[in-house]
C-alpha atoms as a PDB file:
ATOM      1  CA  MET A   1       0.000   0.000   0.000  1.00  0.00           C
ATOM      2  CA  LYS A   2       1.325   3.418  -0.939  1.00  0.00           C
ATOM      3  CA  ASN A   3       1.950   5.939   1.765  1.00  0.00           C
ATOM      4  CA  ARG A   4       0.797   9.546   1.441  1.00  0.00           C
ATOM      5  CA  ARG A   5       4.139  10.779   0.043  1.00  0.00           C
ATOM      6  CA  GLN A   6       4.149   8.107  -2.670  1.00  0.00           C
ATOM      7  CA  GLU A   7       0.569   8.968  -3.612  1.00  0.00           C
ATOM      8  CA  ALA A   8       1.440  12.673  -3.844  1.00  0.00           C
ATOM      9  CA  VAL A   9       4.402  11.925  -6.085  1.00  0.00           C
ATOM     10  CA  SER A  10       2.400   9.647  -8.341  1.00  0.00           C
ATOM     11  CA  GLN A  11      -0.214  12.372  -8.713  1.00  0.00           C
ATOM     12  CA  THR A  12       2.466  14.885  -9.713  1.00  0.00           C
ATOM     13  CA  TRP A  13       4.235  12.692 -12.257  1.00  0.00           C
ATOM     14  CA  CYS A  14       4.638   9.052 -13.148  1.00  0.00           C
ATOM     15  CA  PRO A  15       6.120   7.219 -16.154  1.00  0.00           C
ATOM     16  CA  GLU A  16       2.664   6.728 -17.651  1.00  0.00           C
ATOM     17  CA  THR A  17       2.056  10.473 -17.698  1.00  0.00           C
ATOM     18  CA  SER A  18       2.235  12.035 -21.145  1.00  0.00           C
ATOM     19  CA  VAL A  19       5.749  13.460 -21.479  1.00  0.00           C
ATOM     20  CA  SER A  20       4.384  16.451 -23.365  1.00  0.00           C
ATOM     21  CA  ALA A  21       2.809  17.619 -20.107  1.00  0.00           C
ATOM     22  CA  LEU A  22       6.162  17.923 -18.381  1.00  0.00           C
ATOM     23  CA  PRO A  23       7.713  21.418 -18.207  1.00  0.00           C
ATOM     24  CA  GLY A  24      11.134  20.100 -19.240  1.00  0.00           C
ATOM     25  CA  VAL A  25       9.790  18.486 -22.398  1.00  0.00           C
ATOM     26  CA  SER A  26       7.802  21.569 -23.363  1.00  0.00           C
ATOM     27  CA  LEU A  27      10.995  23.581 -22.973  1.00  0.00           C
ATOM     28  CA  LEU A  28      12.923  21.276 -25.279  1.00  0.00           C
ATOM     29  CA  ARG A  29      10.184  21.238 -27.909  1.00  0.00           C
ATOM     30  CA  GLU A  30       9.040  24.851 -27.943  1.00  0.00           C
ATOM     31  CA  ASN A  31      12.493  26.392 -27.443  1.00  0.00           C
ATOM     32  CA  ARG A  32      14.511  24.089 -29.692  1.00  0.00           C
ATOM     33  CA  HIS A  33      15.977  27.097 -31.506  1.00  0.00           C
ATOM     34  CA  ARG A  34      17.196  28.448 -28.172  1.00  0.00           C
ATOM     35  CA  LEU A  35      18.767  25.106 -27.296  1.00  0.00           C
ATOM     36  CA  ASN A  36      20.538  24.939 -30.660  1.00  0.00           C
ATOM     37  CA  ARG A  37      21.895  28.456 -30.249  1.00  0.00           C
ATOM     38  CA  VAL A  38      23.303  28.034 -26.750  1.00  0.00           C
ATOM     39  CA  GLN A  39      24.722  24.635 -27.647  1.00  0.00           C
ATOM     40  CA  SER A  40      26.577  26.149 -30.595  1.00  0.00           C
ATOM     41  CA  GLU A  41      28.588  28.214 -28.134  1.00  0.00           C
ATOM     42  CA  GLU A  42      31.695  26.841 -26.457  1.00  0.00           C
ATOM     43  CA  THR A  43      30.563  24.854 -23.436  1.00  0.00           C
ATOM     44  CA  MET A  44      32.912  26.420 -20.932  1.00  0.00           C
ATOM     45  CA  PRO A  45      32.148  26.878 -17.244  1.00  0.00           C
ATOM     46  CA  THR A  46      31.646  30.350 -15.829  1.00  0.00           C
ATOM     47  CA  LEU A  47      34.968  31.326 -14.255  1.00  0.00           C
ATOM     48  CA  GLN A  48      35.483  33.825 -11.494  1.00  0.00           C
ATOM     49  CA  ARG A  49      38.241  36.349 -12.209  1.00  0.00           C
ATOM     50  CA  LEU A  50      40.969  36.833  -9.625  1.00  0.00           C
ATOM     51  CA  ARG A  51      43.182  39.890 -10.166  1.00  0.00           C
ATOM     52  CA  ILE A  52      46.808  39.672  -9.005  1.00  0.00           C
ATOM     53  CA  PHE A  53      48.836  42.866  -8.678  1.00  0.00           C
ATOM     54  CA  VAL A  54      52.638  42.668  -8.773  1.00  0.00           C
ATOM     55  CA  ALA A  55      54.530  45.439  -6.941  1.00  0.00           C
ATOM     56  CA  SER A  56      58.317  45.703  -7.101  1.00  0.00           C
ATOM     57  CA  PRO A  57      61.263  47.959  -7.901  1.00  0.00           C
ATOM     58  CA  GLY A  58      63.050  47.551 -11.214  1.00  0.00           C
ATOM     59  CA  ASP A  59      65.773  45.083 -10.205  1.00  0.00           C
ATOM     60  CA  VAL A  60      63.524  41.986 -10.167  1.00  0.00           C
ATOM     61  CA  ALA A  61      62.388  41.929 -13.798  1.00  0.00           C
ATOM     62  CA  LYS A  62      62.855  38.148 -14.080  1.00  0.00           C
ATOM     63  CA  GLU A  63      60.605  37.559 -11.101  1.00  0.00           C
ATOM     64  CA  ARG A  64      57.909  39.781 -12.609  1.00  0.00           C
ATOM     65  CA  ASP A  65      58.084  37.873 -15.883  1.00  0.00           C
ATOM     66  CA  HIS A  66      57.897  34.578 -13.987  1.00  0.00           C
ATOM     67  CA  ALA A  67      54.726  35.791 -12.261  1.00  0.00           C
ATOM     68  CA  SER A  68      53.102  36.532 -15.632  1.00  0.00           C
ATOM     69  CA  ALA A  69      54.100  33.163 -17.070  1.00  0.00           C
ATOM     70  CA  LEU A  70      52.913  31.391 -13.931  1.00  0.00           C
ATOM     71  CA  ALA A  71      49.464  33.001 -14.129  1.00  0.00           C
ATOM     72  CA  GLU A  72      49.077  31.733 -17.695  1.00  0.00           C
ATOM     73  CA  GLU A  73      50.274  28.285 -16.638  1.00  0.00           C
ATOM     74  CA  LEU A  74      47.810  28.059 -13.743  1.00  0.00           C
ATOM     75  CA  ASN A  75      44.990  29.265 -15.984  1.00  0.00           C
ATOM     76  CA  ARG A  76      45.542  26.156 -18.088  1.00  0.00           C
ATOM     77  CA  GLY A  77      45.441  23.901 -15.047  1.00  0.00           C
ATOM     78  CA  VAL A  78      44.513  24.239 -11.405  1.00  0.00           C
ATOM     79  CA  ALA A  79      42.935  27.704 -11.674  1.00  0.00           C
ATOM     80  CA  ALA A  80      40.431  26.659 -14.338  1.00  0.00           C
ATOM     81  CA  GLN A  81      39.728  23.406 -12.515  1.00  0.00           C
ATOM     82  CA  ALA A  82      38.974  25.373  -9.348  1.00  0.00           C
ATOM     83  CA  GLY A  83      36.662  27.744 -11.240  1.00  0.00           C
ATOM     84  CA  PHE A  84      38.948  30.767 -11.537  1.00  0.00           C
ATOM     85  CA  VAL A  85      40.882  32.703 -14.137  1.00  0.00           C
ATOM     86  CA  LEU A  86      43.931  34.662 -12.989  1.00  0.00           C
ATOM     87  CA  ASP A  87      44.463  38.169 -14.354  1.00  0.00           C
ATOM     88  CA  LEU A  88      47.983  39.392 -13.575  1.00  0.00           C
ATOM     89  CA  VAL A  89      47.997  43.189 -13.264  1.00  0.00           C
ATOM     90  CA  ARG A  90      51.246  45.017 -14.074  1.00  0.00           C
ATOM     91  CA  TRP A  91      51.654  48.696 -14.767  1.00  0.00           C
ATOM     92  CA  GLU A  92      53.517  47.772 -17.965  1.00  0.00           C
ATOM     93  CA  THR A  93      50.449  46.020 -19.388  1.00  0.00           C
ATOM     94  CA  HIS A  94      47.458  47.547 -17.580  1.00  0.00           C
ATOM     95  CA  VAL A  95      48.255  51.257 -17.411  1.00  0.00           C
ATOM     96  CA  THR A  96      47.999  53.756 -20.266  1.00  0.00           C
ATOM     97  CA  PRO A  97      49.810  57.121 -20.411  1.00  0.00           C
ATOM     98  CA  ASP A  98      48.099  60.030 -18.653  1.00  0.00           C
ATOM     99  CA  MET A  99      48.874  63.297 -16.881  1.00  0.00           C
ATOM    100  CA  GLY A 100      49.276  63.540 -13.119  1.00  0.00           C
ATOM    101  CA  ARG A 101      51.271  61.903 -10.360  1.00  0.00           C
ATOM    102  CA  PRO A 102      52.521  58.611 -11.854  1.00  0.00           C
ATOM    103  CA  GLN A 103      51.693  56.402  -8.886  1.00  0.00           C
ATOM    104  CA  GLN A 104      48.182  57.829  -8.619  1.00  0.00           C
ATOM    105  CA  ILE A 105      47.644  57.098 -12.306  1.00  0.00           C
ATOM    106  CA  VAL A 106      48.567  53.480 -11.625  1.00  0.00           C
ATOM    107  CA  PHE A 107      46.073  53.302  -8.746  1.00  0.00           C
ATOM    108  CA  ASP A 108      43.303  54.929 -10.787  1.00  0.00           C
ATOM    109  CA  GLN A 109      43.708  52.474 -13.657  1.00  0.00           C
ATOM    110  CA  GLN A 110      44.553  49.195 -11.926  1.00  0.00           C
ATOM    111  CA  GLY A 111      41.113  48.678 -10.367  1.00  0.00           C
ATOM    112  CA  PRO A 112      40.351  46.382  -7.417  1.00  0.00           C
ATOM    113  CA  ILE A 113      42.695  43.475  -6.770  1.00  0.00           C
ATOM    114  CA  ASP A 114      42.321  40.130  -5.018  1.00  0.00           C
ATOM    115  CA  ILE A 115      45.977  39.178  -4.444  1.00  0.00           C
ATOM    116  CA  PHE A 116      48.956  41.470  -3.846  1.00  0.00           C
ATOM    117  CA  VAL A 117      52.432  40.153  -4.698  1.00  0.00           C
ATOM    118  CA  GLY A 118      55.322  42.285  -3.451  1.00  0.00           C
ATOM    119  CA  ILE A 119      58.909  41.510  -4.487  1.00  0.00           C
ATOM    120  CA  MET A 120      62.192  43.065  -3.335  1.00  0.00           C
ATOM    121  CA  TRP A 121      65.895  42.346  -3.641  1.00  0.00           C
ATOM    122  CA  LYS A 122      68.461  45.117  -3.285  1.00  0.00           C
ATOM    123  CA  ARG A 123      66.563  48.177  -4.503  1.00  0.00           C
ATOM    124  CA  PHE A 124      63.777  49.987  -2.678  1.00  0.00           C
ATOM    125  CA  GLY A 125      62.803  52.363  -5.451  1.00  0.00           C
ATOM    126  CA  THR A 126      62.400  56.124  -5.871  1.00  0.00           C
ATOM    127  CA  PRO A 127      60.051  58.376  -3.863  1.00  0.00           C
ATOM    128  CA  SER A 128      56.489  58.508  -5.198  1.00  0.00           C
ATOM    129  CA  GLY A 129      55.572  61.855  -3.668  1.00  0.00           C
ATOM    130  CA  VAL A 130      53.541  60.151  -0.935  1.00  0.00           C
ATOM    131  CA  ALA A 131      55.779  57.272   0.191  1.00  0.00           C
ATOM    132  CA  GLY A 132      59.442  56.317   0.043  1.00  0.00           C
ATOM    133  CA  SER A 133      58.821  54.498  -3.266  1.00  0.00           C
ATOM    134  CA  GLY A 134      56.054  53.435  -5.575  1.00  0.00           C
ATOM    135  CA  THR A 135      56.349  49.885  -4.259  1.00  0.00           C
ATOM    136  CA  GLU A 136      55.950  51.077  -0.688  1.00  0.00           C
ATOM    137  CA  GLU A 137      52.889  53.147  -1.584  1.00  0.00           C
ATOM    138  CA  GLU A 138      51.348  50.158  -3.350  1.00  0.00           C
ATOM    139  CA  PHE A 139      52.038  48.058  -0.268  1.00  0.00           C
ATOM    140  CA  ASN A 140      50.509  50.733   1.989  1.00  0.00           C
ATOM    141  CA  GLN A 141      47.318  50.866  -0.047  1.00  0.00           C
ATOM    142  CA  ALA A 142      46.987  47.071  -0.187  1.00  0.00           C
ATOM    143  CA  LEU A 143      47.634  46.743   3.545  1.00  0.00           C
ATOM    144  CA  ALA A 144      45.031  49.402   4.387  1.00  0.00           C
ATOM    145  CA  SER A 145      42.478  47.571   2.239  1.00  0.00           C
ATOM    146  CA  PHE A 146      43.392  44.236   3.830  1.00  0.00           C
ATOM    147  CA  GLN A 147      42.993  45.627   7.339  1.00  0.00           C
ATOM    148  CA  ALA A 148      39.602  47.122   6.437  1.00  0.00           C
ATOM    149  CA  THR A 149      38.091  44.366   4.291  1.00  0.00           C
ATOM    150  CA  GLY A 150      40.333  41.276   4.455  1.00  0.00           C
ATOM    151  CA  ARG A 151      41.271  41.770   0.798  1.00  0.00           C
ATOM    152  CA  PRO A 152      43.606  41.522  -1.013  1.00  0.00           C
ATOM    153  CA  ARG A 153      45.557  38.502   0.126  1.00  0.00           C
ATOM    154  CA  MET A 154      49.110  39.763   0.602  1.00  0.00           C
ATOM    155  CA  LEU A 155      52.188  37.811  -0.462  1.00  0.00           C
ATOM    156  CA  CYS A 156      55.547  39.487   0.141  1.00  0.00           C
ATOM    157  CA  TYR A 157      58.809  38.011  -1.113  1.00  0.00           C
ATOM    158  CA  PHE A 158      62.390  39.093  -0.391  1.00  0.00           C
ATOM    159  CA  SER A 159      65.380  37.782  -2.308  1.00  0.00           C
ATOM    160  CA  SER A 160      68.249  36.373  -0.270  1.00  0.00           C
ATOM    161  CA  ALA A 161      70.517  36.045  -3.304  1.00  0.00           C
ATOM    162  CA  PRO A 162      74.097  37.114  -2.545  1.00  0.00           C
ATOM    163  CA  ILE A 163      75.092  40.638  -3.593  1.00  0.00           C
ATOM    164  CA  GLU A 164      78.355  42.511  -3.767  1.00  0.00           C
ATOM    165  CA  PRO A 165      79.044  45.303  -1.265  1.00  0.00           C
ATOM    166  CA  PRO A 166      77.431  48.554  -2.461  1.00  0.00           C
ATOM    167  CA  ALA A 167      79.820  50.688  -4.499  1.00  0.00           C
ATOM    168  CA  THR A 168      77.966  53.978  -3.973  1.00  0.00           C
ATOM    169  CA  VAL A 169      76.214  55.817  -1.168  1.00  0.00           C
ATOM    170  CA  GLU A 170      72.942  55.636  -3.117  1.00  0.00           C
ATOM    171  CA  ALA A 171      73.215  51.837  -3.428  1.00  0.00           C
ATOM    172  CA  ALA A 172      73.938  51.556   0.296  1.00  0.00           C
ATOM    173  CA  GLU A 173      70.914  53.711   1.094  1.00  0.00           C
ATOM    174  CA  GLN A 174      68.758  51.481  -1.096  1.00  0.00           C
ATOM    175  CA  LEU A 175      69.892  48.406   0.828  1.00  0.00           C
ATOM    176  CA  LEU A 176      69.189  50.115   4.126  1.00  0.00           C
ATOM    177  CA  LYS A 177      65.655  51.043   3.044  1.00  0.00           C
ATOM    178  CA  VAL A 178      65.014  47.475   1.884  1.00  0.00           C
ATOM    179  CA  ALA A 179      66.136  46.190   5.291  1.00  0.00           C
ATOM    180  CA  GLN A 180      63.888  48.675   7.086  1.00  0.00           C
ATOM    181  CA  PHE A 181      60.916  47.795   4.894  1.00  0.00           C
ATOM    182  CA  ARG A 182      61.560  44.097   5.439  1.00  0.00           C
ATOM    183  CA  SER A 183      61.411  44.651   9.201  1.00  0.00           C
ATOM    184  CA  ARG A 184      58.127  46.480   8.766  1.00  0.00           C
ATOM    185  CA  VAL A 185      56.641  43.611   6.765  1.00  0.00           C
ATOM    186  CA  GLU A 186      57.811  41.106   9.375  1.00  0.00           C
ATOM    187  CA  SER A 187      56.090  43.118  12.107  1.00  0.00           C
ATOM    188  CA  ALA A 188      52.837  43.149  10.115  1.00  0.00           C
ATOM    189  CA  GLY A 189      52.741  39.487   9.101  1.00  0.00           C
ATOM    190  CA  LEU A 190      54.673  36.697   7.412  1.00  0.00           C
ATOM    191  CA  LYS A 191      57.065  37.088   4.507  1.00  0.00           C
ATOM    192  CA  ALA A 192      58.763  34.585   2.227  1.00  0.00           C
ATOM    193  CA  THR A 193      62.344  34.494   0.996  1.00  0.00           C
ATOM    194  CA  TYR A 194      63.831  32.971  -2.138  1.00  0.00           C
ATOM    195  CA  THR A 195      67.345  32.372  -3.426  1.00  0.00           C
ATOM    196  CA  THR A 196      66.938  32.560  -7.213  1.00  0.00           C
ATOM    197  CA  ASP A 197      64.299  33.745  -9.670  1.00  0.00           C
ATOM    198  CA  VAL A 198      63.427  30.085 -10.372  1.00  0.00           C
ATOM    199  CA  ASP A 199      63.014  29.472  -6.643  1.00  0.00           C
ATOM    200  CA  PHE A 200      60.680  32.469  -6.523  1.00  0.00           C
ATOM    201  CA  LYS A 201      58.526  31.023  -9.300  1.00  0.00           C
ATOM    202  CA  GLU A 202      58.208  27.675  -7.557  1.00  0.00           C
ATOM    203  CA  LYS A 203      57.252  29.251  -4.252  1.00  0.00           C
ATOM    204  CA  LEU A 204      54.749  31.598  -5.858  1.00  0.00           C
ATOM    205  CA  ARG A 205      53.204  28.638  -7.689  1.00  0.00           C
ATOM    206  CA  GLU A 206      52.772  26.718  -4.450  1.00  0.00           C
ATOM    207  CA  HIS A 207      51.295  29.688  -2.620  1.00  0.00           C
ATOM    208  CA  LEU A 208      48.857  30.607  -5.397  1.00  0.00           C
ATOM    209  CA  GLN A 209      47.673  27.008  -5.661  1.00  0.00           C
ATOM    210  CA  GLN A 210      47.021  26.938  -1.916  1.00  0.00           C
ATOM    211  CA  ILE A 211      45.053  30.177  -2.130  1.00  0.00           C
ATOM    212  CA  LEU A 212      42.991  28.942  -5.066  1.00  0.00           C
ATOM    213  CA  LEU A 213      42.057  25.732  -3.299  1.00  0.00           C
ATOM    214  CA  LYS A 214      41.255  27.590  -0.089  1.00  0.00           C
ATOM    215  CA  GLU A 215      39.126  30.144  -1.926  1.00  0.00           C
ATOM    216  CA  PHE A 216      37.274  27.337  -3.668  1.00  0.00           C
ATOM    217  CA  ALA A 217      36.725  25.246  -0.530  1.00  0.00           C
ATOM    218  CA  GLY A 218      33.032  25.040   0.325  1.00  0.00           C
ATOM    219  CA  ARG A 219      31.971  26.981  -2.750  1.00  0.00           C
ATOM    220  CA  THR A 220      29.440  25.575  -5.212  1.00  0.00           C
ATOM    221  CA  PRO A 221      31.127  24.936  -8.586  1.00  0.00           C
ATOM    222  CA  PRO A 222      29.973  27.323 -11.338  1.00  0.00           C
ATOM    223  CA  LEU A 223      27.000  25.988 -13.287  1.00  0.00           C
ATOM    224  CA  ASN A 224      27.491  25.488 -16.988  1.00  0.00           C
ATOM    225  CA  LYS A 225      26.212  28.670 -18.637  1.00  0.00           C
ATOM    226  CA  ASN A 226      24.213  26.756 -21.257  1.00  0.00           C
ATOM    227  CA  LEU A 227      22.404  24.677 -18.657  1.00  0.00           C
ATOM    228  CA  GLN A 228      21.748  27.805 -16.616  1.00  0.00           C
ATOM    229  CA  SER A 229      20.172  29.499 -19.645  1.00  0.00           C
ATOM    230  CA  LEU A 230      17.872  26.538 -20.178  1.00  0.00           C
ATOM    231  CA  LEU A 231      16.871  26.408 -16.531  1.00  0.00           C
ATOM    232  CA  ASP A 232      16.106  30.140 -16.550  1.00  0.00           C
ATOM    233  CA  LEU A 233      13.807  29.606 -19.523  1.00  0.00           C
ATOM    234  CA  GLU A 234      12.080  26.701 -17.821  1.00  0.00           C
ATOM    235  CA  LYS A 235      11.580  28.691 -14.650  1.00  0.00           C
ATOM    236  CA  SER A 236       9.934  31.501 -16.628  1.00  0.00           C
ATOM    237  CA  ARG A 237       7.613  29.050 -18.334  1.00  0.00           C
ATOM    238  CA  CYS A 238       6.601  27.528 -15.002  1.00  0.00           C
ATOM    239  CA  GLU A 239       5.854  30.968 -13.602  1.00  0.00           C
ATOM    240  CA  GLU A 240       3.730  31.862 -16.640  1.00  0.00           C
ATOM    241  CA  ARG A 241       1.659  28.691 -16.165  1.00  0.00           C
ATOM    242  CA  ASN A 242       1.565  28.888 -12.364  1.00  0.00           C
ATOM    243  CA  LEU A 243       3.428  25.588 -12.110  1.00  0.00           C
ATOM    244  CA  PRO A 244       5.736  24.807  -9.174  1.00  0.00           C
ATOM    245  CA  PHE A 245       9.416  24.899 -10.113  1.00  0.00           C
ATOM    246  CA  HIS A 246      10.322  21.953  -7.861  1.00  0.00           C
ATOM    247  CA  GLY A 247       9.514  18.316  -7.185  1.00  0.00           C
ATOM    248  CA  PRO A 248       9.487  15.415  -9.644  1.00  0.00           C
ATOM    249  CA  ASN A 249       8.659  17.649 -12.613  1.00  0.00           C
ATOM    250  CA  LEU A 250      11.810  19.701 -12.089  1.00  0.00           C
ATOM    251  CA  LEU A 251      13.916  16.599 -11.490  1.00  0.00           C
ATOM    252  CA  PHE A 252      12.708  15.026 -14.710  1.00  0.00           C
ATOM    253  CA  ALA A 253      13.294  18.243 -16.636  1.00  0.00           C
ATOM    254  CA  LEU A 254      16.833  18.473 -15.264  1.00  0.00           C
ATOM    255  CA  CYS A 255      17.594  14.920 -16.306  1.00  0.00           C
ATOM    256  CA  ARG A 256      16.351  15.580 -19.823  1.00  0.00           C
ATOM    257  CA  LEU A 257      18.371  18.797 -20.085  1.00  0.00           C
ATOM    258  CA  VAL A 258      21.569  17.186 -18.872  1.00  0.00           C
ATOM    259  CA  ASP A 259      21.116  14.235 -21.230  1.00  0.00           C
ATOM    260  CA  THR A 260      20.595  16.638 -24.114  1.00  0.00           C
ATOM    261  CA  LEU A 261      23.716  18.644 -23.289  1.00  0.00           C
ATOM    262  CA  HIS A 262      25.842  15.501 -23.045  1.00  0.00           C
ATOM    263  CA  ALA A 263      24.448  14.162 -26.308  1.00  0.00           C
ATOM    264  CA  ARG A 264      25.248  17.395 -28.101  1.00  0.00           C
ATOM    265  CA  ALA A 265      28.766  17.410 -26.654  1.00  0.00           C
ATOM    266  CA  ASP A 266      29.299  13.802 -27.800  1.00  0.00           C
ATOM    267  CA  GLU A 267      28.142  14.732 -31.297  1.00  0.00           C
ATOM    268  CA  ARG A 268      30.632  17.606 -31.450  1.00  0.00           C
ATOM    269  CA  GLY A 269      33.377  15.313 -30.152  1.00  0.00           C
ATOM    270  CA  ASP A 270      32.656  12.753 -32.887  1.00  0.00           C
ATOM    271  CA  GLU A 271      32.679  15.479 -35.533  1.00  0.00           C
ATOM    272  CA  ASP A 272      35.999  16.838 -34.241  1.00  0.00           C
ATOM    273  CA  ARG A 273      37.582  13.388 -34.274  1.00  0.00           C
ATOM    274  CA  GLU A 274      36.342  12.700 -37.817  1.00  0.00           C
ATOM    275  CA  ARG A 275      37.662  16.074 -38.953  1.00  0.00           C
ATOM    276  CA  ALA A 276      41.044  15.399 -37.379  1.00  0.00           C
ATOM    277  CA  VAL A 277      41.297  11.986 -39.068  1.00  0.00           C
ATOM    278  CA  SER A 278      40.314  13.509 -42.410  1.00  0.00           C
ATOM    279  CA  GLU A 279      42.917  16.267 -42.121  1.00  0.00           C
ATOM    280  CA  SER A 280      45.559  13.713 -41.166  1.00  0.00           C
ATOM    281  CA  ASP A 281      44.703  11.568 -44.209  1.00  0.00           C
ATOM    282  CA  ASN A 282      44.912  14.613 -46.473  1.00  0.00           C
ATOM    283  CA  ARG A 283      48.341  15.528 -45.163  1.00  0.00           C
ATOM    284  CA  HIS A 284      49.617  12.042 -45.932  1.00  0.00           C
END
C-alpha cells in the first residue's frame, strides 16, 4: 500500500504520464531554436576572475616575468579546474599614459585586486611623492584595504641572493631602506624568501595554488552557462503557467536537459575526431 508521500508523487508525475505535459519536455520542444543556439557556443564553465597585482622595484624583472608566465600556466590547469581565471595586473600592461602623479595614475587604472604580490631584492625604489617608493605606496594601499576588508591577500617576497658590497652611497641607502621595509613587513605578518628567480617562481606557484584551493573550498562549482540558460527559460515558463518549479517535474526536466547537453557534446566530439582523421589523411 502506498503511503501519502508516494501517492502525492504519483499524482504529480509518473512514467505513464504524457511526457508532453512535463515542463522540461515543453521547454525542449518549444524552445529548440534556443537550445541549438546556446549549444553552438563553447561549453565552458563560468569562471570567477581573480586579479593579481605585482609590486616591485626595477631590479627583479625576471621575477615579474615569472609571475606573468605562472598566471598563464595556472589558468591552463589548477585555476580553471577550481573555477577561476587569474588576471595578472602590471603597470607595464594595464596602465595607459596620462597626466598627473605617476603612482596615482597606476592606482586609478589598476582597479580592485584580489591578491597582492610584493617583491624586493636590493633596490627599494624612488620616492612617489607620498611614500618612500612606488612599491611602498602600493604596499601601503593594499595593507590598508586588507585591514579594512580582508582583501587583497598579501604575499611578500624578499630575495636572499648574494650581492656585492654597495659601491655607492645611493646603493647603500637602497639596501638600508630594503632592510627597514623588510622589518616592517615582518612586524605586520609573514614574509617569504627565495634564493633565485626560479626558486621564486616555484614558491609563488605553491602559494597561489594553496590560495585557489582555499578560496574554492566550500563553494558551489559554477553551473554550466548553457544549462543555466535553459533552466532560466524553464523557470519563466513555469511561472507563466503557475506551475511549481520543484519536485518530480523539475527533477525530470533536469535529467532531460543534462542528457541533451551531453548528447550534443558527444556529437561535437565525434565530428571533431572525424575532422582530425580527415585532415591527417589529407596531409599524408
